[in-house]
Amino acid sequence: MTDRAETWVAGLATARDHYQPENLSDLLVRLARTRDRKVTIRDIAIALQDRSFGAFLLVFALPNLVPLPPGSTFILGLPLIFIAWQMAASPGGRVFFPARIGDYGVQPETFEAIVNRLVPWMRWAEKLVIPRFWLFESRFAERLIGLLALILAIVVFLPIPLGNWPPAFALAVLGFAHSQRDGLGVLVGGIIGLLSLAVAGFVVYTAFAVVAFVI
């Protein structure tokens, strides 16, 4: 085989490996088994690299999908805004956290116990969300996804009655699909996101209309 052919084959292998990344569940299991010190948020972001945007969007979107006391979205929405803003504005790479947040971590045995609880659910979800139709490799496409995620995160943050759950669900779908390099999942998440924005807009419009009628 000539040098040019070998280079071409190596390039195909690299592209294939990038298109079909390691499953999040396998990556977390490997991280849990190879650490002999505290596992920090920064360690996880470094392990995920450019997939960290989607993974952390998923992590911080999930708590918004369960019933919480009023005002909780003010706290839970801020990390989503922070991550989505980086996704839309940064030149690429991975999520960067302030030192105080990035240094937060748990002991390896605690991290392994958490991973062991999550892995069965993740592996079930990974049968549905798989690497396919990945058309978002360019930085421009990444910024578009980040911009939509930022708008959705802002809506999650705002105190809109019944308007926070749909965008949080859209962010969870977007985040997981992005981390798995599932182009179809990203498109589905984007459609859900646009529909959720329409619902939130309708709720706000209706509220203002009712207030104006009463006044």
Protein backbone atom coordinates (compact mmCIF):
# COMPACT_ATOMS: atom_id res chain seq x y z
CA MET A 1 0.00 0.00 0.00
CA THR A 2 1.37 3.44 -0.95
CA ASP A 3 1.93 6.25 1.54
CA ARG A 4 -0.95 8.20 0.00
CA ALA A 5 -3.32 5.24 0.35
CA GLU A 6 -2.24 4.63 3.93
CA THR A 7 -2.89 8.29 4.74
CA TRP A 8 -6.33 8.06 3.14
CA VAL A 9 -7.22 4.92 5.12
CA ALA A 10 -5.97 6.52 8.36
CA GLY A 11 -8.12 9.56 7.62
CA LEU A 12 -11.20 7.38 7.12
CA ALA A 13 -10.52 5.59 10.42
CA THR A 14 -10.17 8.92 12.24
CA ALA A 15 -13.42 10.22 10.73
CA ARG A 16 -15.21 6.97 11.63
CA ASP A 17 -14.00 7.11 15.25
CA HIS A 18 -15.05 10.75 15.52
CA TYR A 19 -18.47 10.02 14.03
CA GLN A 20 -18.98 7.01 16.28
CA PRO A 21 -17.71 8.24 19.65
CA GLU A 22 -17.49 6.16 22.77
CA ASN A 23 -20.85 5.88 24.53
CA LEU A 24 -21.25 8.19 27.51
CA SER A 25 -21.97 5.21 29.75
CA ASP A 26 -18.73 3.47 28.72
CA LEU A 27 -16.75 6.68 29.11
CA LEU A 28 -18.07 7.26 32.63
CA VAL A 29 -17.40 3.63 33.61
CA ARG A 30 -13.84 3.93 32.32
CA LEU A 31 -13.34 7.22 34.15
CA ALA A 32 -14.69 5.72 37.40
CA ARG A 33 -12.35 2.73 37.19
CA THR A 34 -9.18 4.64 36.34
CA ARG A 35 -9.27 7.37 38.99
CA ASP A 36 -7.44 7.00 42.28
CA ARG A 37 -8.29 10.47 43.58
CA LYS A 38 -11.25 12.82 43.77
CA VAL A 39 -13.20 13.05 40.50
CA THR A 40 -13.95 16.70 39.77
CA ILE A 41 -16.32 18.40 37.36
CA ARG A 42 -13.23 19.55 35.44
CA ASP A 43 -12.07 15.92 35.08
CA ILE A 44 -15.40 14.98 33.53
CA ALA A 45 -15.33 17.97 31.16
CA ILE A 46 -11.80 17.09 30.05
CA ALA A 47 -12.78 13.46 29.45
CA LEU A 48 -15.77 14.52 27.35
CA GLN A 49 -13.95 17.28 25.42
CA ASP A 50 -16.25 18.82 22.76
CA ARG A 51 -19.07 16.48 23.82
CA SER A 52 -19.12 18.16 27.24
CA PHE A 53 -21.51 20.89 26.04
CA GLY A 54 -24.29 18.40 25.32
CA ALA A 55 -23.56 16.23 28.35
CA PHE A 56 -23.72 19.13 30.82
CA LEU A 57 -26.84 20.54 29.14
CA LEU A 58 -28.44 17.15 29.82
CA VAL A 59 -27.21 17.06 33.43
CA PHE A 60 -28.57 20.51 34.30
CA ALA A 61 -31.78 20.16 32.27
CA LEU A 62 -32.94 16.96 33.98
CA PRO A 63 -33.64 18.53 37.44
CA ASN A 64 -36.01 20.98 35.72
CA LEU A 65 -38.18 18.06 34.58
CA VAL A 66 -39.29 17.11 38.09
CA PRO A 67 -41.73 19.06 40.30
CA LEU A 68 -39.80 21.65 42.30
CA PRO A 69 -40.72 24.53 44.65
CA PRO A 70 -41.52 27.87 42.97
CA GLY A 71 -38.40 29.85 42.16
CA SER A 72 -36.16 26.81 41.75
CA THR A 73 -35.70 27.52 38.05
CA PHE A 74 -33.86 30.72 38.95
CA ILE A 75 -31.10 28.54 40.41
CA LEU A 76 -31.28 25.57 38.04
CA GLY A 77 -31.58 27.76 34.94
CA LEU A 78 -28.33 29.66 35.51
CA PRO A 79 -25.98 26.73 34.75
CA LEU A 80 -27.93 26.05 31.55
CA ILE A 81 -27.48 29.67 30.45
CA PHE A 82 -23.77 29.52 31.32
CA ILE A 83 -23.17 26.33 29.28
CA ALA A 84 -25.35 27.32 26.31
CA TRP A 85 -23.65 30.73 26.13
CA GLN A 86 -20.25 29.05 25.93
CA MET A 87 -21.54 26.69 23.24
CA ALA A 88 -22.77 29.63 21.17
CA ALA A 89 -19.90 32.05 21.79
CA SER A 90 -16.72 30.06 22.41
CA PRO A 91 -14.35 29.01 19.58
CA GLY A 92 -14.90 25.34 20.40
CA GLY A 93 -13.32 22.76 22.67
CA ARG A 94 -15.02 21.92 25.94
CA VAL A 95 -16.99 23.58 28.71
CA PHE A 96 -14.89 25.70 31.06
CA PHE A 97 -16.02 26.18 34.64
CA PRO A 98 -14.79 28.71 37.21
CA ALA A 99 -12.16 27.23 39.51
CA ARG A 100 -14.52 26.93 42.48
CA ILE A 101 -17.04 24.94 40.43
CA GLY A 102 -14.51 22.99 38.38
CA ASP A 103 -12.67 21.82 41.50
CA TYR A 104 -15.83 20.41 43.06
CA GLY A 105 -15.76 16.64 43.08
CA VAL A 106 -16.35 13.41 44.95
CA GLN A 107 -14.20 10.52 46.05
CA PRO A 108 -13.64 7.81 43.41
CA GLU A 109 -15.73 5.22 45.27
CA THR A 110 -18.66 7.66 45.49
CA PHE A 111 -18.33 8.53 41.82
CA GLU A 112 -18.26 4.85 40.89
CA ALA A 113 -21.42 4.23 42.95
CA ILE A 114 -23.19 7.11 41.16
CA VAL A 115 -22.07 5.81 37.76
CA ASN A 116 -23.26 2.30 38.59
CA ARG A 117 -26.72 3.70 39.36
CA LEU A 118 -26.87 5.75 36.15
CA VAL A 119 -25.35 3.31 33.66
CA PRO A 120 -28.38 0.95 33.26
CA TRP A 121 -30.63 3.89 32.38
CA MET A 122 -28.03 5.45 30.10
CA ARG A 123 -27.45 2.22 28.20
CA TRP A 124 -31.18 1.86 27.63
CA ALA A 125 -31.30 5.43 26.26
CA GLU A 126 -28.19 4.82 24.13
CA LYS A 127 -30.11 2.17 22.20
CA LEU A 128 -32.39 4.95 20.96
CA VAL A 129 -29.90 7.82 20.67
CA ILE A 130 -27.06 6.55 18.50
CA PRO A 131 -24.38 8.17 16.27
CA ARG A 132 -26.08 8.89 12.92
CA PHE A 133 -26.61 11.63 10.34
CA TRP A 134 -24.11 13.91 12.08
CA LEU A 135 -24.29 17.10 9.99
CA PHE A 136 -23.21 19.53 12.72
CA GLU A 137 -19.43 19.19 12.63
CA SER A 138 -18.74 22.81 11.63
CA ARG A 139 -18.34 25.53 14.22
CA PHE A 140 -21.17 27.48 12.56
CA ALA A 141 -23.59 24.59 13.11
CA GLU A 142 -22.38 24.25 16.70
CA ARG A 143 -23.06 27.95 17.28
CA LEU A 144 -26.58 27.62 15.89
CA ILE A 145 -27.31 24.75 18.28
CA GLY A 146 -25.78 26.80 21.10
CA LEU A 147 -27.91 29.83 20.22
CA LEU A 148 -31.11 27.78 20.31
CA ALA A 149 -29.98 26.19 23.58
CA LEU A 150 -29.28 29.65 25.02
CA ILE A 151 -32.77 30.92 24.13
CA LEU A 152 -34.32 27.78 25.65
CA ALA A 153 -32.19 28.14 28.78
CA ILE A 154 -33.34 31.74 29.23
CA VAL A 155 -36.97 30.60 28.96
CA VAL A 156 -36.29 27.91 31.58
CA PHE A 157 -34.82 30.60 33.83
CA LEU A 158 -37.81 32.94 33.50
CA PRO A 159 -40.82 32.49 35.85
CA ILE A 160 -43.30 31.44 33.15
CA PRO A 161 -46.16 29.33 34.57
CA LEU A 162 -46.15 25.90 32.88
CA GLY A 163 -43.61 27.26 30.41
CA ASN A 164 -40.40 25.83 31.85
CA TRP A 165 -40.89 22.09 31.39
CA PRO A 166 -41.08 21.95 27.54
CA PRO A 167 -37.85 23.92 26.94
CA ALA A 168 -36.07 21.93 29.66
CA PHE A 169 -37.17 18.71 27.95
CA ALA A 170 -35.95 20.07 24.61
CA LEU A 171 -32.58 20.91 26.17
CA ALA A 172 -32.31 17.40 27.61
CA VAL A 173 -32.99 15.87 24.18
CA LEU A 174 -30.59 18.30 22.46
CA GLY A 175 -27.89 17.71 25.04
CA PHE A 176 -28.03 13.93 24.97
CA ALA A 177 -28.25 13.78 21.17
CA HIS A 178 -25.33 16.20 20.81
CA SER A 179 -23.16 14.19 23.20
CA GLN A 180 -23.98 11.00 21.26
CA ARG A 181 -23.43 12.64 17.85
CA ASP A 182 -27.02 11.82 16.86
CA GLY A 183 -27.94 14.27 14.11
CA LEU A 184 -31.52 13.01 13.96
CA GLY A 185 -31.87 13.47 17.72
CA VAL A 186 -30.53 17.04 17.47
CA LEU A 187 -33.13 17.83 14.78
CA VAL A 188 -35.90 16.34 16.94
CA GLY A 189 -34.67 18.31 19.95
CA GLY A 190 -34.58 21.47 17.84
CA ILE A 191 -38.17 20.96 16.68
CA ILE A 192 -39.31 20.34 20.26
CA GLY A 193 -37.40 23.46 21.28
CA LEU A 194 -39.09 25.66 18.67
CA LEU A 195 -42.50 24.28 19.64
CA SER A 196 -41.76 24.92 23.32
CA LEU A 197 -40.81 28.52 22.51
CA ALA A 198 -44.15 28.92 20.74
CA VAL A 199 -45.95 27.52 23.79
CA ALA A 200 -44.04 29.83 26.15
CA GLY A 201 -44.80 32.79 23.89
CA PHE A 202 -48.50 31.88 23.88
CA VAL A 203 -48.54 31.63 27.69
CA VAL A 204 -46.89 35.04 28.06
CA TYR A 205 -49.19 36.62 25.46
CA THR A 206 -52.28 35.15 27.15
CA ALA A 207 -51.15 36.36 30.56
CA PHE A 208 -50.63 39.92 29.29
CA ALA A 209 -53.96 39.82 27.48
CA VAL A 210 -55.78 38.74 30.67
CA VAL A 211 -54.05 41.43 32.72
CA ALA A 212 -54.86 44.08 30.13
CA PHE A 213 -58.52 42.96 30.06
CA VAL A 214 -58.81 43.10 33.86
CA ILE A 215 -57.21 46.53 34.01
